[in-house]
Protein backbone atom coordinates (compact mmCIF):
# COMPACT_ATOMS: atom_id res chain seq x y z
CA MET A 1 52.59 8.32 -62.77
CA GLU A 2 52.05 9.82 -59.34
CA LEU A 3 54.87 11.79 -57.75
CA ARG A 4 55.44 11.99 -54.01
CA VAL A 5 56.80 15.41 -53.05
CA TYR A 6 58.12 16.37 -49.62
CA LEU A 7 57.24 19.96 -48.63
CA ALA A 8 60.03 21.36 -46.45
CA GLY A 9 59.44 24.68 -44.75
CA GLN A 10 58.07 26.50 -41.75
CA ILE A 11 54.78 25.37 -40.23
CA HIS A 12 53.43 28.75 -39.13
CA ASP A 13 51.22 29.69 -42.07
CA ALA A 14 49.19 28.05 -44.85
CA TRP A 15 51.74 27.99 -47.70
CA ARG A 16 51.36 24.20 -48.04
CA ASP A 17 47.59 24.50 -48.41
CA GLU A 18 48.05 27.11 -51.13
CA LEU A 19 50.51 24.89 -52.98
CA LYS A 20 48.27 21.81 -52.69
CA GLN A 21 45.23 23.74 -53.94
CA LYS A 22 47.14 25.04 -56.94
CA ALA A 23 48.42 21.54 -57.76
CA GLU A 24 44.89 20.18 -57.48
CA LYS A 25 43.59 22.92 -59.81
CA LYS A 26 46.13 21.78 -62.43
CA ASP A 27 45.05 18.17 -61.79
CA LEU A 28 48.64 17.17 -61.02
CA LYS A 29 49.10 13.60 -59.89
CA VAL A 30 51.10 14.46 -56.78
CA LYS A 31 50.94 13.22 -53.21
CA PHE A 32 52.40 15.74 -50.80
CA VAL A 33 54.06 14.80 -47.50
CA HIS A 34 55.59 17.17 -44.98
CA PRO A 35 56.77 17.76 -41.43
CA GLN A 36 54.31 17.60 -38.56
CA GLU A 37 52.25 20.79 -38.93
CA ASN A 38 50.83 20.79 -35.42
CA HIS A 39 53.52 22.85 -33.67
CA SER A 40 52.53 21.72 -30.18
CA ARG A 41 52.58 18.05 -31.23
CA SER A 42 55.99 18.52 -32.84
CA ASP A 43 57.40 20.20 -29.73
CA ASN A 44 55.94 17.66 -27.31
CA VAL A 45 56.21 14.37 -29.22
CA GLY A 46 59.28 13.27 -27.25
CA GLU A 47 57.48 13.50 -23.93
CA ASP A 48 54.24 12.17 -25.43
CA ILE A 49 56.05 8.97 -26.42
CA LEU A 50 58.92 8.69 -23.92
CA GLY A 51 57.45 10.39 -20.87
CA GLU A 52 58.42 13.53 -19.00
CA GLN A 53 62.01 14.65 -19.47
CA PRO A 54 64.21 16.23 -16.77
CA ASN A 55 64.73 19.59 -18.54
CA LYS A 56 63.88 21.60 -21.67
CA GLU A 57 67.10 20.71 -23.48
CA ILE A 58 66.50 16.97 -23.20
CA LYS A 59 62.80 17.47 -24.01
CA ASP A 60 63.80 19.28 -27.22
CA ASP A 61 66.44 16.66 -28.02
CA LYS A 62 63.94 13.78 -27.72
CA ALA A 63 61.35 15.62 -29.82
CA SER A 64 63.98 16.47 -32.43
CA ALA A 65 65.05 12.84 -32.71
CA ILE A 66 61.49 11.69 -33.38
CA ASN A 67 60.77 14.58 -35.77
CA ASN A 68 64.02 13.83 -37.64
CA PHE A 69 63.02 10.16 -37.88
CA ARG A 70 59.70 11.19 -39.45
CA THR A 71 61.33 13.67 -41.82
CA LYS A 72 64.03 11.22 -42.91
CA LEU A 73 61.51 8.48 -43.63
CA LEU A 74 59.12 10.73 -45.56
CA MET A 75 61.88 12.48 -47.48
CA GLU A 76 63.62 9.24 -48.46
CA ARG A 77 60.35 7.91 -49.85
CA SER A 78 59.73 11.07 -51.86
CA ASP A 79 60.53 11.58 -55.52
CA ALA A 80 61.28 15.28 -55.08
CA VAL A 81 61.46 18.04 -52.46
CA ILE A 82 60.07 21.55 -52.48
CA ALA A 83 61.75 23.81 -49.91
CA TYR A 84 59.86 27.03 -49.18
CA PHE A 85 61.67 30.02 -47.69
CA GLY A 86 59.33 32.80 -46.63
CA GLU A 87 60.32 36.16 -45.18
CA ASN A 88 58.60 35.98 -41.80
CA TYR A 89 60.32 33.13 -39.94
CA LYS A 90 63.79 31.85 -39.27
CA GLN A 91 64.31 28.96 -41.67
CA TRP A 92 66.88 26.68 -40.02
CA ASN A 93 64.84 23.50 -40.48
CA THR A 94 64.06 24.39 -44.08
CA ALA A 95 67.74 24.94 -44.84
CA MET A 96 68.66 21.67 -43.13
CA ASP A 97 65.98 19.72 -45.04
CA ALA A 98 66.96 21.29 -48.37
CA GLY A 99 70.62 20.49 -47.78
CA ILE A 100 69.81 16.88 -46.89
CA ALA A 101 67.61 16.53 -49.98
CA ILE A 102 70.28 17.97 -52.26
CA GLN A 103 72.99 15.73 -50.80
CA ALA A 104 70.71 12.71 -51.18
CA GLY A 105 70.32 13.50 -54.87
CA LYS A 106 66.62 14.36 -54.59
CA PRO A 107 65.40 16.73 -57.28
CA THR A 108 64.83 19.91 -55.25
CA ILE A 109 62.81 23.02 -56.01
CA LEU A 110 63.80 25.96 -53.84
CA ILE A 111 61.15 28.67 -53.46
CA ARG A 112 62.59 31.93 -52.23
CA ASP A 113 61.55 35.54 -52.51
CA GLU A 114 63.74 38.03 -54.33
CA SER A 115 64.77 39.49 -50.95
CA LEU A 116 66.39 36.14 -50.06
CA ILE A 117 68.58 35.81 -53.16
CA HIS A 118 71.79 36.80 -51.36
CA PRO A 119 71.29 34.89 -48.06
CA LEU A 120 70.38 31.69 -49.94
CA LYS A 121 72.80 31.98 -52.86
CA GLU A 122 74.86 28.85 -52.09
CA LEU A 123 71.82 26.71 -51.34
CA SER A 124 70.07 28.03 -54.44
CA ASN A 125 73.13 27.19 -56.52
CA GLN A 126 72.92 23.56 -55.38
CA ALA A 127 69.16 23.13 -55.78
CA THR A 128 67.90 21.57 -59.00
CA VAL A 129 65.60 24.53 -59.68
CA THR A 130 65.14 27.84 -57.86
CA VAL A 131 61.93 29.83 -58.25
CA GLU A 132 60.49 32.93 -56.61
CA ASN A 133 56.95 31.80 -55.81
CA ILE A 134 54.56 28.89 -55.43
CA ASP A 135 53.04 29.38 -58.90
CA GLN A 136 56.43 28.87 -60.52
CA ALA A 137 57.04 25.71 -58.46
CA ILE A 138 53.68 24.33 -59.61
CA GLU A 139 54.64 25.05 -63.23
CA VAL A 140 57.88 23.10 -62.75
CA LEU A 141 55.88 20.10 -61.47
CA ASN A 142 53.37 20.52 -64.29
CA TYR A 143 56.18 20.40 -66.86
CA VAL A 144 57.02 16.85 -65.68
CA TYR A 145 53.65 15.70 -67.02
CA GLU A 146 53.90 17.34 -70.46
């Protein structure tokens, strides 16, 4: 059985690569999907597809619509979601994706550092599993195959 797991979280560092490498080391049968990781492409996709927009607000709105379409499609086709909350970036999109996954009944692993226990307490309470690091998330996935 191969699982499809959506990786929700910021796109500014290599946390997804670390998670994928650790899953591969354990020989987990998992296909990972995720938001567009090219920040420039994500920001400009609305104009790339629909042409130049009259102002920044509309440009952002068009890009958001297309990014949300992509996220919705990939998340709906996923068996589970891992939402990663790091310390260095604002995590609005991660929180939105985790909330959508939870409301859709997707099994959700929330990764959050100890310093984020209080700010994420309600979201953590609704997630299927909450862990503190990528290694623990990998162990949760590994347990599925035991």
